[in-house]
PDB file of N, CA and C in Angstrom:
ATOM      1  N   UNK A   1      98.171 142.936  98.305  1.00  0.00           N
ATOM      2  CA  UNK A   1      99.324 143.419  97.572  1.00  0.00           C
ATOM      3  C   UNK A   1     100.439 143.807  98.549  1.00  0.00           C
ATOM      4  N   UNK A   2     101.646 143.449  98.234  1.00  0.00           N
ATOM      5  CA  UNK A   2     102.765 143.772  99.107  1.00  0.00           C
ATOM      6  C   UNK A   2     103.193 145.225  98.890  1.00  0.00           C
ATOM      7  N   UNK A   3     103.735 145.805  99.925  1.00  0.00           N
ATOM      8  CA  UNK A   3     104.169 147.193  99.845  1.00  0.00           C
ATOM      9  C   UNK A   3     105.636 147.263  99.438  1.00  0.00           C
ATOM     10  N   UNK A   4     106.067 148.438  99.016  1.00  0.00           N
ATOM     11  CA  UNK A   4     107.468 148.622  98.673  1.00  0.00           C
ATOM     12  C   UNK A   4     108.340 148.365  99.902  1.00  0.00           C
ATOM     13  N   UNK A   5     107.869 148.726 101.071  1.00  0.00           N
ATOM     14  CA  UNK A   5     108.642 148.484 102.288  1.00  0.00           C
ATOM     15  C   UNK A   5     108.817 146.982 102.532  1.00  0.00           C
ATOM     16  N   UNK A   6     107.786 146.187 102.261  1.00  0.00           N
ATOM     17  CA  UNK A   6     107.907 144.731 102.400  1.00  0.00           C
ATOM     18  C   UNK A   6     108.969 144.173 101.450  1.00  0.00           C
ATOM     19  N   UNK A   7     108.972 144.660 100.231  1.00  0.00           N
ATOM     20  CA  UNK A   7     109.938 144.162  99.248  1.00  0.00           C
ATOM     21  C   UNK A   7     111.347 144.608  99.628  1.00  0.00           C
ATOM     22  N   UNK A   8     111.500 145.834 100.095  1.00  0.00           N
ATOM     23  CA  UNK A   8     112.815 146.297 100.542  1.00  0.00           C
ATOM     24  C   UNK A   8     113.290 145.459 101.721  1.00  0.00           C
ATOM     25  N   UNK A   9     112.413 145.166 102.641  1.00  0.00           N
ATOM     26  CA  UNK A   9     112.764 144.307 103.782  1.00  0.00           C
ATOM     27  C   UNK A   9     113.274 142.952 103.300  1.00  0.00           C
ATOM     28  N   UNK A  10     112.527 142.312 102.406  1.00  0.00           N
ATOM     29  CA  UNK A  10     112.935 141.002 101.890  1.00  0.00           C
ATOM     30  C   UNK A  10     114.252 141.094 101.128  1.00  0.00           C
ATOM     31  N   UNK A  11     114.386 142.118 100.297  1.00  0.00           N
ATOM     32  CA  UNK A  11     115.617 142.312  99.543  1.00  0.00           C
ATOM     33  C   UNK A  11     116.805 142.509 100.481  1.00  0.00           C
ATOM     34  N   UNK A  12     116.659 143.363 101.494  1.00  0.00           N
ATOM     35  CA  UNK A  12     117.755 143.646 102.409  1.00  0.00           C
ATOM     36  C   UNK A  12     118.149 142.402 103.200  1.00  0.00           C
ATOM     37  N   UNK A  13     117.170 141.638 103.625  1.00  0.00           N
ATOM     38  CA  UNK A  13     117.452 140.406 104.368  1.00  0.00           C
ATOM     39  C   UNK A  13     118.302 139.451 103.543  1.00  0.00           C
ATOM     40  N   UNK A  14     117.954 139.267 102.285  1.00  0.00           N
ATOM     41  CA  UNK A  14     118.721 138.337 101.450  1.00  0.00           C
ATOM     42  C   UNK A  14     120.022 138.969 100.976  1.00  0.00           C
ATOM     43  N   UNK A  15     120.070 140.284 100.830  1.00  0.00           N
ATOM     44  CA  UNK A  15     121.314 140.960 100.468  1.00  0.00           C
ATOM     45  C   UNK A  15     122.367 140.766 101.552  1.00  0.00           C
ATOM     46  N   UNK A  16     121.964 140.834 102.797  1.00  0.00           N
ATOM     47  CA  UNK A  16     122.889 140.612 103.916  1.00  0.00           C
ATOM     48  C   UNK A  16     123.470 139.198 103.831  1.00  0.00           C
ATOM     49  N   UNK A  17     122.627 138.235 103.477  1.00  0.00           N
ATOM     50  CA  UNK A  17     123.104 136.860 103.304  1.00  0.00           C
ATOM     51  C   UNK A  17     124.098 136.794 102.137  1.00  0.00           C
ATOM     52  N   UNK A  18     123.760 137.416 101.020  1.00  0.00           N
ATOM     53  CA  UNK A  18     124.647 137.409  99.846  1.00  0.00           C
ATOM     54  C   UNK A  18     125.991 138.052 100.147  1.00  0.00           C
ATOM     55  N   UNK A  19     125.968 139.125 100.892  1.00  0.00           N
ATOM     56  CA  UNK A  19     127.214 139.809 101.227  1.00  0.00           C
ATOM     57  C   UNK A  19     128.145 138.907 102.040  1.00  0.00           C
ATOM     58  N   UNK A  20     127.573 138.081 102.899  1.00  0.00           N
ATOM     59  CA  UNK A  20     128.373 137.174 103.730  1.00  0.00           C
ATOM     60  C   UNK A  20     128.663 135.847 103.028  1.00  0.00           C
ATOM     61  N   UNK A  21     127.826 135.481 102.070  1.00  0.00           N
ATOM     62  CA  UNK A  21     127.969 134.201 101.360  1.00  0.00           C
ATOM     63  C   UNK A  21     127.921 134.445  99.850  1.00  0.00           C
ATOM     64  N   UNK A  22     128.959 135.051  99.286  1.00  0.00           N
ATOM     65  CA  UNK A  22     128.921 135.432  97.868  1.00  0.00           C
ATOM     66  C   UNK A  22     128.807 134.256  96.897  1.00  0.00           C
ATOM     67  N   UNK A  23     129.086 133.042  97.336  1.00  0.00           N
ATOM     68  CA  UNK A  23     128.956 131.872  96.466  1.00  0.00           C
ATOM     69  C   UNK A  23     127.604 131.182  96.597  1.00  0.00           C
ATOM     70  N   UNK A  24     126.714 131.720  97.391  1.00  0.00           N
ATOM     71  CA  UNK A  24     125.390 131.120  97.611  1.00  0.00           C
ATOM     72  C   UNK A  24     124.490 131.477  96.428  1.00  0.00           C
ATOM     73  N   UNK A  25     124.367 130.535  95.496  1.00  0.00           N
ATOM     74  CA  UNK A  25     123.623 130.810  94.268  1.00  0.00           C
ATOM     75  C   UNK A  25     122.137 131.037  94.521  1.00  0.00           C
ATOM     76  N   UNK A  26     121.548 130.317  95.452  1.00  0.00           N
ATOM     77  CA  UNK A  26     120.120 130.511  95.743  1.00  0.00           C
ATOM     78  C   UNK A  26     119.874 131.896  96.323  1.00  0.00           C
ATOM     79  N   UNK A  27     120.741 132.329  97.215  1.00  0.00           N
ATOM     80  CA  UNK A  27     120.595 133.673  97.795  1.00  0.00           C
ATOM     81  C   UNK A  27     120.762 134.732  96.722  1.00  0.00           C
ATOM     82  N   UNK A  28     121.739 134.557  95.840  1.00  0.00           N
ATOM     83  CA  UNK A  28     121.963 135.525  94.772  1.00  0.00           C
ATOM     84  C   UNK A  28     120.766 135.604  93.833  1.00  0.00           C
ATOM     85  N   UNK A  29     120.214 134.476  93.465  1.00  0.00           N
ATOM     86  CA  UNK A  29     119.032 134.472  92.597  1.00  0.00           C
ATOM     87  C   UNK A  29     117.851 135.165  93.274  1.00  0.00           C
ATOM     88  N   UNK A  30     117.687 134.933  94.557  1.00  0.00           N
ATOM     89  CA  UNK A  30     116.593 135.557  95.295  1.00  0.00           C
ATOM     90  C   UNK A  30     116.794 137.065  95.384  1.00  0.00           C
ATOM     91  N   UNK A  31     118.021 137.485  95.662  1.00  0.00           N
ATOM     92  CA  UNK A  31     118.325 138.923  95.714  1.00  0.00           C
ATOM     93  C   UNK A  31     118.048 139.570  94.364  1.00  0.00           C
ATOM     94  N   UNK A  32     118.483 138.913  93.292  1.00  0.00           N
ATOM     95  CA  UNK A  32     118.237 139.440  91.947  1.00  0.00           C
ATOM     96  C   UNK A  32     116.749 139.572  91.662  1.00  0.00           C
ATOM     97  N   UNK A  33     115.969 138.608  92.115  1.00  0.00           N
ATOM     98  CA  UNK A  33     114.519 138.657  91.936  1.00  0.00           C
ATOM     99  C   UNK A  33     113.928 139.893  92.621  1.00  0.00           C
ATOM    100  N   UNK A  34     114.307 140.116  93.882  1.00  0.00           N
ATOM    101  CA  UNK A  34     113.766 141.273  94.597  1.00  0.00           C
ATOM    102  C   UNK A  34     114.241 142.583  93.987  1.00  0.00           C
ATOM    103  N   UNK A  35     115.473 142.618  93.477  1.00  0.00           N
ATOM    104  CA  UNK A  35     115.953 143.828  92.802  1.00  0.00           C
ATOM    105  C   UNK A  35     115.132 144.109  91.554  1.00  0.00           C
ATOM    106  N   UNK A  36     114.782 143.064  90.825  1.00  0.00           N
ATOM    107  CA  UNK A  36     113.951 143.232  89.629  1.00  0.00           C
ATOM    108  C   UNK A  36     112.561 143.747  90.002  1.00  0.00           C
ATOM    109  N   UNK A  37     111.978 143.201  91.055  1.00  0.00           N
ATOM    110  CA  UNK A  37     110.657 143.664  91.513  1.00  0.00           C
ATOM    111  C   UNK A  37     110.728 145.130  91.919  1.00  0.00           C
ATOM    112  N   UNK A  38     111.753 145.485  92.689  1.00  0.00           N
ATOM    113  CA  UNK A  38     111.888 146.882  93.120  1.00  0.00           C
ATOM    114  C   UNK A  38     112.025 147.815  91.925  1.00  0.00           C
ATOM    115  N   UNK A  39     112.797 147.410  90.955  1.00  0.00           N
ATOM    116  CA  UNK A  39     113.038 148.253  89.788  1.00  0.00           C
ATOM    117  C   UNK A  39     111.826 148.311  88.851  1.00  0.00           C
ATOM    118  N   UNK A  40     111.313 147.153  88.476  1.00  0.00           N
ATOM    119  CA  UNK A  40     110.264 147.132  87.447  1.00  0.00           C
ATOM    120  C   UNK A  40     108.866 147.418  87.985  1.00  0.00           C
ATOM    121  N   UNK A  41     108.526 146.864  89.130  1.00  0.00           N
ATOM    122  CA  UNK A  41     107.172 147.053  89.661  1.00  0.00           C
ATOM    123  C   UNK A  41     107.008 148.334  90.472  1.00  0.00           C
ATOM    124  N   UNK A  42     108.052 148.725  91.189  1.00  0.00           N
ATOM    125  CA  UNK A  42     107.937 149.869  92.095  1.00  0.00           C
ATOM    126  C   UNK A  42     108.733 151.088  91.651  1.00  0.00           C
ATOM    127  N   UNK A  43     109.570 150.927  90.615  1.00  0.00           N
ATOM    128  CA  UNK A  43     110.390 152.035  90.103  1.00  0.00           C
ATOM    129  C   UNK A  43     111.322 152.607  91.170  1.00  0.00           C
ATOM    130  N   UNK A  44     111.862 151.722  92.008  1.00  0.00           N
ATOM    131  CA  UNK A  44     112.808 152.107  93.052  1.00  0.00           C
ATOM    132  C   UNK A  44     114.201 152.148  92.435  1.00  0.00           C
ATOM    133  N   UNK A  45     114.973 153.177  92.799  1.00  0.00           N
ATOM    134  CA  UNK A  45     116.343 153.294  92.310  1.00  0.00           C
ATOM    135  C   UNK A  45     117.223 153.933  93.378  1.00  0.00           C
ATOM    136  N   UNK A  46     118.519 153.945  93.112  1.00  0.00           N
ATOM    137  CA  UNK A  46     119.501 154.602  93.989  1.00  0.00           C
ATOM    138  C   UNK A  46     119.376 154.192  95.455  1.00  0.00           C
ATOM    139  N   UNK A  47     119.340 152.900  95.691  1.00  0.00           N
ATOM    140  CA  UNK A  47     119.229 152.394  97.062  1.00  0.00           C
ATOM    141  C   UNK A  47     120.577 152.537  97.762  1.00  0.00           C
ATOM    142  N   UNK A  48     120.546 153.080  98.950  1.00  0.00           N
ATOM    143  CA  UNK A  48     121.745 153.214  99.771  1.00  0.00           C
ATOM    144  C   UNK A  48     121.435 152.668 101.168  1.00  0.00           C
ATOM    145  N   UNK A  49     122.386 151.929 101.716  1.00  0.00           N
ATOM    146  CA  UNK A  49     122.200 151.273 103.015  1.00  0.00           C
ATOM    147  C   UNK A  49     123.288 151.758 103.964  1.00  0.00           C
ATOM    148  N   UNK A  50     122.878 152.084 105.170  1.00  0.00           N
ATOM    149  CA  UNK A  50     123.808 152.319 106.264  1.00  0.00           C
ATOM    150  C   UNK A  50     123.277 151.549 107.460  1.00  0.00           C
ATOM    151  N   UNK A  51     124.145 151.352 108.447  1.00  0.00           N
ATOM    152  CA  UNK A  51     123.694 150.657 109.643  1.00  0.00           C
ATOM    153  C   UNK A  51     124.475 151.161 110.835  1.00  0.00           C
ATOM    154  N   UNK A  52     123.877 150.960 111.989  1.00  0.00           N
ATOM    155  CA  UNK A  52     124.561 151.230 113.244  1.00  0.00           C
ATOM    156  C   UNK A  52     124.393 150.000 114.125  1.00  0.00           C
ATOM    157  N   UNK A  53     124.594 150.144 115.400  1.00  0.00           N
ATOM    158  CA  UNK A  53     124.521 148.986 116.289  1.00  0.00           C
ATOM    159  C   UNK A  53     123.149 148.343 116.357  1.00  0.00           C
ATOM    160  N   UNK A  54     122.100 149.099 116.059  1.00  0.00           N
ATOM    161  CA  UNK A  54     120.762 148.549 116.240  1.00  0.00           C
ATOM    162  C   UNK A  54     119.876 148.564 114.989  1.00  0.00           C
ATOM    163  N   UNK A  55     120.228 149.357 113.973  1.00  0.00           N
ATOM    164  CA  UNK A  55     119.322 149.521 112.836  1.00  0.00           C
ATOM    165  C   UNK A  55     120.057 149.491 111.502  1.00  0.00           C
ATOM    166  N   UNK A  56     119.303 149.098 110.465  1.00  0.00           N
ATOM    167  CA  UNK A  56     119.682 149.318 109.075  1.00  0.00           C
ATOM    168  C   UNK A  56     118.827 150.482 108.584  1.00  0.00           C
ATOM    169  N   UNK A  57     119.455 151.404 107.878  1.00  0.00           N
ATOM    170  CA  UNK A  57     118.762 152.550 107.304  1.00  0.00           C
ATOM    171  C   UNK A  57     118.867 152.447 105.788  1.00  0.00           C
ATOM    172  N   UNK A  58     117.735 152.561 105.125  1.00  0.00           N
ATOM    173  CA  UNK A  58     117.705 152.436 103.680  1.00  0.00           C
ATOM    174  C   UNK A  58     117.114 153.716 103.108  1.00  0.00           C
ATOM    175  N   UNK A  59     117.881 154.358 102.234  1.00  0.00           N
ATOM    176  CA  UNK A  59     117.355 155.505 101.501  1.00  0.00           C
ATOM    177  C   UNK A  59     117.265 155.094 100.036  1.00  0.00           C
ATOM    178  N   UNK A  60     116.273 155.628  99.341  1.00  0.00           N
ATOM    179  CA  UNK A  60     116.052 155.242  97.951  1.00  0.00           C
ATOM    180  C   UNK A  60     115.190 156.282  97.276  1.00  0.00           C
ATOM    181  N   UNK A  61     115.117 156.188  95.974  1.00  0.00           N
ATOM    182  CA  UNK A  61     114.225 157.039  95.206  1.00  0.00           C
ATOM    183  C   UNK A  61     113.077 156.192  94.709  1.00  0.00           C
ATOM    184  N   UNK A  62     111.889 156.718  94.889  1.00  0.00           N
ATOM    185  CA  UNK A  62     110.666 156.076  94.413  1.00  0.00           C
ATOM    186  C   UNK A  62     110.068 157.034  93.401  1.00  0.00           C
ATOM    187  N   UNK A  63     110.329 156.743  92.130  1.00  0.00           N
ATOM    188  CA  UNK A  63     109.961 157.719  91.109  1.00  0.00           C
ATOM    189  C   UNK A  63     110.795 158.975  91.305  1.00  0.00           C
ATOM    190  N   UNK A  64     110.131 160.109  91.533  1.00  0.00           N
ATOM    191  CA  UNK A  64     110.823 161.392  91.734  1.00  0.00           C
ATOM    192  C   UNK A  64     111.063 161.710  93.199  1.00  0.00           C
ATOM    193  N   UNK A  65     110.557 160.889  94.098  1.00  0.00           N
ATOM    194  CA  UNK A  65     110.633 161.185  95.526  1.00  0.00           C
ATOM    195  C   UNK A  65     111.788 160.462  96.208  1.00  0.00           C
ATOM    196  N   UNK A  66     112.420 161.148  97.150  1.00  0.00           N
ATOM    197  CA  UNK A  66     113.413 160.520  98.015  1.00  0.00           C
ATOM    198  C   UNK A  66     112.700 159.959  99.236  1.00  0.00           C
ATOM    199  N   UNK A  67     113.007 158.723  99.566  1.00  0.00           N
ATOM    200  CA  UNK A  67     112.357 158.043 100.687  1.00  0.00           C
ATOM    201  C   UNK A  67     113.405 157.449 101.607  1.00  0.00           C
ATOM    202  N   UNK A  68     112.996 157.192 102.831  1.00  0.00           N
ATOM    203  CA  UNK A  68     113.854 156.525 103.810  1.00  0.00           C
ATOM    204  C   UNK A  68     113.009 155.561 104.625  1.00  0.00           C
ATOM    205  N   UNK A  69     113.643 154.483 105.025  1.00  0.00           N
ATOM    206  CA  UNK A  69     113.009 153.550 105.940  1.00  0.00           C
ATOM    207  C   UNK A  69     114.107 152.939 106.803  1.00  0.00           C
ATOM    208  N   UNK A  70     113.709 152.238 107.832  1.00  0.00           N
ATOM    209  CA  UNK A  70     114.700 151.606 108.697  1.00  0.00           C
ATOM    210  C   UNK A  70     114.135 150.296 109.223  1.00  0.00           C
ATOM    211  N   UNK A  71     115.074 149.409 109.568  1.00  0.00           N
ATOM    212  CA  UNK A  71     114.708 148.088 110.059  1.00  0.00           C
ATOM    213  C   UNK A  71     115.656 147.707 111.185  1.00  0.00           C
ATOM    214  N   UNK A  72     115.155 147.066 112.232  1.00  0.00           N
ATOM    215  CA  UNK A  72     116.041 146.579 113.291  1.00  0.00           C
ATOM    216  C   UNK A  72     117.004 145.523 112.744  1.00  0.00           C
ATOM    217  N   UNK A  73     118.256 145.601 113.156  1.00  0.00           N
ATOM    218  CA  UNK A  73     119.256 144.624 112.709  1.00  0.00           C
ATOM    219  C   UNK A  73     118.829 143.213 113.049  1.00  0.00           C
ATOM    220  N   UNK A  74     118.218 143.049 114.203  1.00  0.00           N
ATOM    221  CA  UNK A  74     117.775 141.720 114.631  1.00  0.00           C
ATOM    222  C   UNK A  74     116.853 141.086 113.587  1.00  0.00           C
ATOM    223  N   UNK A  75     115.948 141.874 113.000  1.00  0.00           N
ATOM    224  CA  UNK A  75     115.037 141.347 111.976  1.00  0.00           C
ATOM    225  C   UNK A  75     115.750 141.059 110.667  1.00  0.00           C
ATOM    226  N   UNK A  76     116.625 141.953 110.256  1.00  0.00           N
ATOM    227  CA  UNK A  76     117.304 141.799 108.975  1.00  0.00           C
ATOM    228  C   UNK A  76     118.301 140.650 109.013  1.00  0.00           C
ATOM    229  N   UNK A  77     118.970 140.462 110.118  1.00  0.00           N
ATOM    230  CA  UNK A  77     120.037 139.466 110.194  1.00  0.00           C
ATOM    231  C   UNK A  77     119.569 138.093 110.664  1.00  0.00           C
ATOM    232  N   UNK A  78     118.275 137.921 110.867  1.00  0.00           N
ATOM    233  CA  UNK A  78     117.770 136.659 111.393  1.00  0.00           C
ATOM    234  C   UNK A  78     118.065 135.484 110.458  1.00  0.00           C
ATOM    235  N   UNK A  79     117.919 135.692 109.155  1.00  0.00           N
ATOM    236  CA  UNK A  79     118.185 134.598 108.214  1.00  0.00           C
ATOM    237  C   UNK A  79     119.676 134.243 108.210  1.00  0.00           C
ATOM    238  N   UNK A  80     120.532 135.240 108.173  1.00  0.00           N
ATOM    239  CA  UNK A  80     121.968 134.983 108.203  1.00  0.00           C
ATOM    240  C   UNK A  80     122.368 134.268 109.486  1.00  0.00           C
ATOM    241  N   UNK A  81     121.815 134.694 110.603  1.00  0.00           N
ATOM    242  CA  UNK A  81     122.126 134.038 111.877  1.00  0.00           C
ATOM    243  C   UNK A  81     121.678 132.583 111.879  1.00  0.00           C
ATOM    244  N   UNK A  82     120.521 132.319 111.320  1.00  0.00           N
ATOM    245  CA  UNK A  82     120.024 130.951 111.248  1.00  0.00           C
ATOM    246  C   UNK A  82     120.943 130.088 110.375  1.00  0.00           C
ATOM    247  N   UNK A  83     121.374 130.630 109.251  1.00  0.00           N
ATOM    248  CA  UNK A  83     122.290 129.905 108.366  1.00  0.00           C
ATOM    249  C   UNK A  83     123.606 129.620 109.085  1.00  0.00           C
ATOM    250  N   UNK A  84     124.124 130.607 109.791  1.00  0.00           N
ATOM    251  CA  UNK A  84     125.394 130.430 110.500  1.00  0.00           C
ATOM    252  C   UNK A  84     125.289 129.435 111.652  1.00  0.00           C
ATOM    253  N   UNK A  85     124.113 129.339 112.270  1.00  0.00           N
ATOM    254  CA  UNK A  85     123.925 128.399 113.374  1.00  0.00           C
ATOM    255  C   UNK A  85     123.777 126.961 112.896  1.00  0.00           C
ATOM    256  N   UNK A  86     123.214 126.774 111.706  1.00  0.00           N
ATOM    257  CA  UNK A  86     122.994 125.433 111.173  1.00  0.00           C
ATOM    258  C   UNK A  86     123.426 125.355 109.709  1.00  0.00           C
ATOM    259  N   UNK A  87     124.710 125.547 109.439  1.00  0.00           N
ATOM    260  CA  UNK A  87     125.173 125.607 108.047  1.00  0.00           C
ATOM    261  C   UNK A  87     124.906 124.325 107.253  1.00  0.00           C
ATOM    262  N   UNK A  88     124.827 123.199 107.935  1.00  0.00           N
ATOM    263  CA  UNK A  88     124.562 121.938 107.229  1.00  0.00           C
ATOM    264  C   UNK A  88     123.191 121.925 106.553  1.00  0.00           C
ATOM    265  N   UNK A  89     122.286 122.747 106.999  1.00  0.00           N
ATOM    266  CA  UNK A  89     120.948 122.832 106.390  1.00  0.00           C
ATOM    267  C   UNK A  89     120.926 123.768 105.184  1.00  0.00           C
ATOM    268  N   UNK A  90     121.999 124.512 104.964  1.00  0.00           N
ATOM    269  CA  UNK A  90     122.024 125.524 103.912  1.00  0.00           C
ATOM    270  C   UNK A  90     123.232 125.328 102.995  1.00  0.00           C
ATOM    271  N   UNK A  91     123.383 124.122 102.519  1.00  0.00           N
ATOM    272  CA  UNK A  91     124.488 123.794 101.620  1.00  0.00           C
ATOM    273  C   UNK A  91     124.213 124.458 100.270  1.00  0.00           C
ATOM    274  N   UNK A  92     125.261 125.002  99.689  1.00  0.00           N
ATOM    275  CA  UNK A  92     125.135 125.621  98.375  1.00  0.00           C
ATOM    276  C   UNK A  92     125.287 124.558  97.292  1.00  0.00           C
ATOM    277  N   UNK A  93     124.259 124.383  96.496  1.00  0.00           N
ATOM    278  CA  UNK A  93     124.297 123.432  95.394  1.00  0.00           C
ATOM    279  C   UNK A  93     124.563 124.200  94.111  1.00  0.00           C
ATOM    280  N   UNK A  94     125.630 123.857  93.442  1.00  0.00           N
ATOM    281  CA  UNK A  94     125.960 124.541  92.205  1.00  0.00           C
ATOM    282  C   UNK A  94     125.085 124.006  91.081  1.00  0.00           C
ATOM    283  N   UNK A  95     124.818 124.872  90.147  1.00  0.00           N
ATOM    284  CA  UNK A  95     124.024 124.505  88.983  1.00  0.00           C
ATOM    285  C   UNK A  95     124.952 123.866  87.965  1.00  0.00           C
ATOM    286  N   UNK A  96     124.565 122.688  87.500  1.00  0.00           N
ATOM    287  CA  UNK A  96     125.378 121.997  86.499  1.00  0.00           C
ATOM    288  C   UNK A  96     124.849 122.327  85.109  1.00  0.00           C
ATOM    289  N   UNK A  97     125.772 122.556  84.197  1.00  0.00           N
ATOM    290  CA  UNK A  97     125.385 122.881  82.808  1.00  0.00           C
ATOM    291  C   UNK A  97     125.043 121.662  82.020  1.00  0.00           C
TER     292      UNK A  97
END
């Protein structure tokens, strides 16, 4: 079973991509999926993110408890960096109605 920290890590990684690529439909769908998991399966709410030169800091509520975790920027931004290095591999395909 995955932990809430694993899901927050995955969510934050794809959120960083979405923030830089707001038209990336696959990234947005993935972010929405992780937000749903955090909300429905783990009862996580009030997520707040800050960062400095080396870390992302995430505070959130888990039920009635306030929690905090942190992740190295290098880990969180790895997907975005990969996309930026090889954008031809990450073309955004729009959904046709």
